[in-house]
Amino acid sequence: MRFLLILAAGTAALLACSDSGNAGPTEPAAPQQAAGPDPAADNSEGVPEKRLVDCELTVEGTTYIDEICEFSPHGEEGEFQISSVEYFAQVSIFEDGSAWGTWNGTANATHAQTPLGDLTQDGACWVGKRARVCARALSPEAEKQARAAWPTAGWLRPDAPFYWQQCLGADGPLEAGAPIVLRPCKNKRDRIFELGKDGTLTIADRPDLCLDLEAPGMQKPPILIVNTCGAGPARFVHAGGAGRSGAIRAPGGLCSTIPETEEEDGAAPYSVVMEPCEDSSAGVMAFDFTN
């Protein structure tokens, strides 16, 4: 197995490069050498921070990303990722300076399992026979402006095989009493969640609405719904936080499960059933928050 490593000074070498017409710096790429991630780019937990850059993803002549998007360095294993609303791509850099790329291949798919093939660095891009992946640095001021305009609302997608293209969303209009269900993603319509720094989940742009529980009766466990916020709304938490998958946790030690996905005749939309987190038989489902 080839040993993966990242570019000199972490991801700085890639983002320091630029093609003609780019607003970023135009110095040639730094030479390849073994190095750890740039400490200045890490957060307090040692996780490399995401940045906003000028992105491009072109596959077999079709451009899927051509806009400001998120650049995510992936630690010491030599990977980085560019991500837009529907598509994302990952690049792994090898010891000899070559690279291998993958992408999600289908809009809203959450795993990069479709090969882009061998890639070679060309300025701020990695280019191969099938694909071109670019991450051009913005000036500090341009990145600041882009970050200020970046939406805070996002999606909750299951971290589970066969359900990568599904999202949580309101079953029907986003109003009090609407069940939260898992169903095929409907991009803007399902971009309804906000994730606080403490992991708290709220409904974006709707301060009157909160997550809540509704008991369907017959001694069945409660399901996740949207409801009018009370005087002291219950705190629902995404256990993973930003950048990590995790269950939705509700007051009373309850966690998100989707039992209908285990049924042979189950079909979307699936209800989110809240079961005791410590119940190993409940099949707790984790979700990724992306915005």
Protein backbone atom coordinates (compact mmCIF):
# COMPACT_ATOMS: atom_id res chain seq x y z
CA MET A 1 0.00 0.00 0.00
CA ARG A 2 1.42 3.40 -0.91
CA PHE A 3 1.94 5.72 1.98
CA LEU A 4 -0.15 8.86 1.74
CA LEU A 5 1.23 12.24 2.72
CA ILE A 6 0.13 15.79 2.29
CA LEU A 7 1.70 18.75 0.55
CA ALA A 8 4.27 20.92 2.27
CA ALA A 9 2.76 23.03 5.02
CA GLY A 10 -0.37 20.98 5.00
CA THR A 11 -2.83 22.25 2.45
CA ALA A 12 -1.12 25.62 2.08
CA ALA A 13 0.79 24.56 -1.04
CA LEU A 14 -2.36 23.67 -2.93
CA LEU A 15 -4.25 26.78 -1.98
CA ALA A 16 -1.25 29.00 -2.66
CA CYS A 17 -1.34 27.95 -6.32
CA SER A 18 -3.52 29.53 -8.98
CA ASP A 19 -4.46 29.33 -12.64
CA SER A 20 -4.53 32.39 -14.89
CA GLY A 21 -7.53 34.56 -14.18
CA ASN A 22 -7.62 33.56 -10.54
CA ALA A 23 -7.82 36.20 -7.85
CA GLY A 24 -5.44 34.21 -5.65
CA PRO A 25 -1.61 34.18 -5.64
CA THR A 26 0.20 32.98 -8.76
CA GLU A 27 3.40 31.47 -7.32
CA PRO A 28 4.36 28.01 -8.61
CA ALA A 29 3.47 25.03 -6.49
CA ALA A 30 5.71 24.24 -3.56
CA PRO A 31 7.72 21.03 -3.91
CA GLN A 32 6.28 17.84 -2.53
CA GLN A 33 7.68 16.83 0.83
CA ALA A 34 6.48 15.12 3.96
CA ALA A 35 4.88 17.52 6.39
CA GLY A 36 2.13 17.65 8.96
CA PRO A 37 -0.91 19.90 8.75
CA ASP A 38 -0.46 23.61 9.27
CA PRO A 39 -1.15 24.24 13.00
CA ALA A 40 -2.52 27.67 12.15
CA ALA A 41 -5.27 26.01 10.12
CA ASP A 42 -6.41 23.75 12.96
CA ASN A 43 -9.15 24.44 15.45
CA SER A 44 -8.90 23.94 19.21
CA GLU A 45 -9.49 20.18 18.81
CA GLY A 46 -6.70 19.72 16.27
CA VAL A 47 -9.13 19.27 13.37
CA PRO A 48 -8.14 21.20 10.20
CA GLU A 49 -10.53 24.06 9.56
CA LYS A 50 -12.64 24.22 6.42
CA ARG A 51 -11.93 27.16 4.11
CA LEU A 52 -13.84 28.81 1.30
CA VAL A 53 -12.04 28.70 -2.04
CA ASP A 54 -12.77 29.11 -5.76
CA CYS A 55 -13.66 25.53 -6.78
CA GLU A 56 -13.95 23.61 -10.00
CA LEU A 57 -14.92 20.00 -10.61
CA THR A 58 -15.11 18.90 -14.24
CA VAL A 59 -15.68 15.25 -15.12
CA GLU A 60 -15.51 13.99 -18.70
CA GLY A 61 -16.16 17.47 -20.06
CA THR A 62 -19.10 18.34 -17.80
CA THR A 63 -18.53 20.91 -15.05
CA TYR A 64 -20.34 20.07 -11.82
CA ILE A 65 -18.77 22.70 -9.54
CA ASP A 66 -17.69 26.17 -10.67
CA GLU A 67 -18.19 28.47 -7.70
CA ILE A 68 -17.03 29.34 -4.21
CA CYS A 69 -17.18 26.17 -2.15
CA GLU A 70 -15.73 24.56 0.96
CA PHE A 71 -12.20 23.14 1.02
CA SER A 72 -11.56 20.57 3.75
CA PRO A 73 -8.05 19.26 4.46
CA HIS A 74 -8.18 15.75 5.85
CA GLY A 75 -5.41 15.50 8.44
CA GLU A 76 -2.12 13.75 7.78
CA GLU A 77 -3.32 11.19 5.25
CA GLY A 78 -2.94 13.44 2.24
CA GLU A 79 -6.59 13.92 1.41
CA PHE A 80 -8.54 17.07 0.77
CA GLN A 81 -12.12 17.62 -0.33
CA ILE A 82 -14.03 20.32 -2.18
CA SER A 83 -17.79 20.42 -1.54
CA SER A 84 -20.72 22.22 -3.12
CA VAL A 85 -24.43 21.77 -2.45
CA GLU A 86 -24.87 18.62 -4.56
CA TYR A 87 -21.39 17.39 -5.44
CA PHE A 88 -18.01 16.90 -3.80
CA ALA A 89 -14.64 15.44 -4.73
CA GLN A 90 -11.69 14.07 -2.77
CA VAL A 91 -8.02 13.94 -3.76
CA SER A 92 -5.36 11.73 -2.15
CA ILE A 93 -1.71 12.63 -2.77
CA PHE A 94 0.97 9.93 -2.85
CA GLU A 95 4.63 9.95 -1.94
CA ASP A 96 5.78 10.27 -5.55
CA GLY A 97 3.65 13.40 -6.12
CA SER A 98 0.91 11.63 -8.05
CA ALA A 99 -2.67 11.65 -6.84
CA TRP A 100 -5.94 9.74 -7.08
CA GLY A 101 -9.37 11.35 -7.12
CA THR A 102 -12.91 10.26 -6.32
CA TRP A 103 -16.27 12.03 -6.25
CA ASN A 104 -19.85 11.32 -5.22
CA GLY A 105 -20.95 10.89 -8.84
CA THR A 106 -24.64 11.53 -8.20
CA ALA A 107 -26.24 14.71 -6.87
CA ASN A 108 -26.65 14.56 -3.09
CA ALA A 109 -24.87 11.20 -2.68
CA THR A 110 -22.86 11.42 0.55
CA HIS A 111 -19.94 9.07 -0.22
CA ALA A 112 -17.17 9.67 -2.76
CA GLN A 113 -16.99 6.21 -4.30
CA THR A 114 -16.85 7.03 -8.01
CA PRO A 115 -13.24 7.13 -9.33
CA LEU A 116 -11.84 10.19 -11.06
CA GLY A 117 -8.63 8.31 -11.78
CA ASP A 118 -4.97 9.36 -11.62
CA LEU A 119 -4.36 13.09 -11.25
CA THR A 120 -1.33 15.35 -11.70
CA GLN A 121 -0.92 18.79 -10.15
CA ASP A 122 -1.18 21.79 -12.49
CA GLY A 123 -1.10 24.97 -10.45
CA ALA A 124 -4.12 25.01 -8.16
CA CYS A 125 -5.66 22.06 -9.99
CA TRP A 126 -5.25 18.31 -10.14
CA VAL A 127 -5.84 17.12 -13.69
CA GLY A 128 -6.26 13.68 -15.28
CA LYS A 129 -7.71 12.03 -18.37
CA ARG A 130 -11.24 12.09 -16.93
CA ALA A 131 -11.32 14.97 -14.49
CA ARG A 132 -10.10 18.32 -13.27
CA VAL A 133 -10.30 19.28 -9.58
CA CYS A 134 -9.34 22.84 -8.60
CA ALA A 135 -9.15 24.73 -5.31
CA ARG A 136 -7.95 28.28 -5.91
CA ALA A 137 -7.18 30.44 -2.90
CA LEU A 138 -9.24 33.56 -2.23
CA SER A 139 -7.69 36.68 -0.82
CA PRO A 140 -8.29 37.08 2.94
CA GLU A 141 -10.82 39.83 2.27
CA ALA A 142 -12.63 37.84 -0.43
CA GLU A 143 -12.83 34.79 1.83
CA LYS A 144 -14.13 36.94 4.67
CA GLN A 145 -16.89 38.32 2.44
CA ALA A 146 -17.76 34.85 1.15
CA ARG A 147 -17.94 33.47 4.68
CA ALA A 148 -20.26 36.28 5.77
CA ALA A 149 -22.62 35.42 2.92
CA TRP A 150 -22.42 31.65 3.45
CA PRO A 151 -25.75 30.09 4.55
CA THR A 152 -25.91 28.66 8.06
CA ALA A 153 -28.85 26.36 7.28
CA GLY A 154 -28.01 22.80 6.30
CA TRP A 155 -29.13 19.24 5.74
CA LEU A 156 -29.16 16.15 7.94
CA ARG A 157 -28.25 13.07 5.91
CA PRO A 158 -27.98 9.53 7.32
CA ASP A 159 -24.52 8.05 7.74
CA ALA A 160 -25.79 4.67 6.55
CA PRO A 161 -25.39 2.53 3.41
CA PHE A 162 -28.21 2.68 0.84
CA TYR A 163 -29.59 5.93 2.32
CA TRP A 164 -26.84 8.36 1.25
CA GLN A 165 -29.13 10.30 -1.08
CA GLN A 166 -31.84 10.86 1.52
CA CYS A 167 -32.37 13.72 3.97
CA LEU A 168 -34.47 14.56 6.97
CA GLY A 169 -37.24 17.02 6.24
CA ALA A 170 -40.78 17.98 7.13
CA ASP A 171 -43.48 15.67 5.79
CA GLY A 172 -45.63 18.34 4.16
CA PRO A 173 -45.45 22.09 4.85
CA LEU A 174 -42.95 23.23 7.45
CA GLU A 175 -45.45 23.98 10.20
CA ALA A 176 -46.36 22.94 13.73
CA GLY A 177 -47.23 19.25 13.93
CA ALA A 178 -45.34 18.21 10.79
CA PRO A 179 -43.45 14.93 11.27
CA ILE A 180 -39.73 14.91 10.49
CA VAL A 181 -39.14 12.08 8.03
CA LEU A 182 -36.33 10.53 6.01
CA ARG A 183 -36.91 10.74 2.25
CA PRO A 184 -35.03 11.48 -1.00
CA CYS A 185 -33.33 14.87 -0.69
CA LYS A 186 -35.16 17.91 -2.02
CA ASN A 187 -32.25 20.30 -1.92
CA LYS A 188 -33.49 23.73 -0.84
CA ARG A 189 -36.69 22.44 0.73
CA ASP A 190 -34.78 20.17 3.12
CA ARG A 191 -32.14 22.75 4.03
CA ILE A 192 -34.01 23.57 7.23
CA PHE A 193 -31.67 22.82 10.12
CA GLU A 194 -29.13 24.94 11.94
CA LEU A 195 -26.40 23.47 14.12
CA GLY A 196 -25.14 25.52 17.07
CA LYS A 197 -21.57 25.39 18.32
CA ASP A 198 -22.82 23.38 21.29
CA GLY A 199 -24.53 20.87 18.97
CA THR A 200 -28.05 22.24 19.46
CA LEU A 201 -30.35 21.68 16.47
CA THR A 202 -32.84 24.40 15.57
CA ILE A 203 -35.10 25.17 12.60
CA ALA A 204 -33.46 27.71 10.29
CA ASP A 205 -35.19 31.07 9.86
CA ARG A 206 -38.18 29.91 11.91
CA PRO A 207 -37.73 31.03 15.54
CA ASP A 208 -41.37 30.08 16.15
CA LEU A 209 -40.70 26.39 15.41
CA CYS A 210 -38.69 23.81 17.36
CA LEU A 211 -38.04 20.09 17.24
CA ASP A 212 -40.36 18.15 19.52
CA LEU A 213 -41.64 14.66 20.26
CA GLU A 214 -45.08 13.26 19.61
CA ALA A 215 -46.30 9.98 21.07
CA PRO A 216 -48.42 8.14 18.49
CA GLY A 217 -50.24 6.21 21.21
CA MET A 218 -50.61 2.50 21.82
CA GLN A 219 -47.50 2.62 24.04
CA LYS A 220 -45.31 3.22 20.99
CA PRO A 221 -42.10 5.28 21.25
CA PRO A 222 -42.32 8.97 20.30
CA ILE A 223 -41.55 10.25 16.82
CA LEU A 224 -39.67 13.42 15.87
CA ILE A 225 -41.85 16.35 14.76
CA VAL A 226 -41.78 20.12 14.33
CA ASN A 227 -43.83 22.04 16.82
CA THR A 228 -44.46 25.54 18.13
CA CYS A 229 -41.71 26.51 20.54
CA GLY A 230 -42.81 26.56 24.16
CA ALA A 231 -41.63 28.89 26.90
CA GLY A 232 -38.65 26.63 27.46
CA PRO A 233 -38.18 24.58 24.29
CA ALA A 234 -36.57 21.17 24.71
CA ARG A 235 -32.98 20.94 23.55
CA PHE A 236 -32.32 18.54 20.71
CA VAL A 237 -28.66 17.86 20.00
CA HIS A 238 -26.68 16.50 17.09
CA ALA A 239 -24.25 14.26 18.94
CA GLY A 240 -21.54 14.46 16.27
CA GLY A 241 -21.29 18.24 16.01
CA ALA A 242 -19.87 20.02 12.97
CA GLY A 243 -17.90 17.78 10.65
CA ARG A 244 -18.80 14.47 12.32
CA SER A 245 -21.73 12.11 12.11
CA GLY A 246 -23.87 11.55 15.18
CA ALA A 247 -27.31 10.62 16.41
CA ILE A 248 -30.02 13.15 17.14
CA ARG A 249 -30.43 13.19 20.91
CA ALA A 250 -33.65 14.24 22.63
CA PRO A 251 -34.36 14.98 26.29
CA GLY A 252 -34.80 11.87 28.38
CA GLY A 253 -31.87 9.99 26.85
CA LEU A 254 -33.56 9.28 23.53
CA CYS A 255 -31.75 8.83 20.19
CA SER A 256 -32.78 8.77 16.53
CA THR A 257 -33.73 5.47 14.91
CA ILE A 258 -35.39 4.65 11.60
CA PRO A 259 -36.90 1.20 12.22
CA GLU A 260 -38.83 1.17 8.93
CA THR A 261 -35.53 0.94 7.02
CA GLU A 262 -35.12 -2.53 8.54
CA GLU A 263 -38.49 -3.71 7.27
CA GLU A 264 -38.64 -5.69 4.05
CA ASP A 265 -41.59 -3.69 2.72
CA GLY A 266 -40.50 -0.34 4.19
CA ALA A 267 -40.62 2.67 1.90
CA ALA A 268 -39.89 6.40 2.22
CA PRO A 269 -40.91 8.60 3.86
CA TYR A 270 -39.64 6.96 7.05
CA SER A 271 -40.58 8.26 10.50
CA VAL A 272 -37.79 9.17 12.93
CA VAL A 273 -38.52 7.12 16.04
CA MET A 274 -36.78 8.17 19.25
CA GLU A 275 -35.60 5.22 21.33
CA PRO A 276 -33.44 4.97 24.47
CA CYS A 277 -29.83 5.64 23.45
CA GLU A 278 -28.52 2.78 25.59
CA ASP A 279 -30.82 0.24 23.91
CA SER A 280 -28.40 -1.73 21.73
CA SER A 281 -31.27 -3.36 19.86
CA ALA A 282 -32.81 -0.05 18.80
CA GLY A 283 -30.47 0.50 15.84
CA VAL A 284 -29.52 4.13 16.51
CA MET A 285 -28.94 5.99 13.24
CA ALA A 286 -26.31 8.70 12.93
CA PHE A 287 -26.60 11.72 10.62
CA ASP A 288 -24.16 14.11 8.93
CA PHE A 289 -24.88 17.84 9.04
CA THR A 290 -23.77 19.64 5.89
CA ASN A 291 -24.34 23.21 4.74
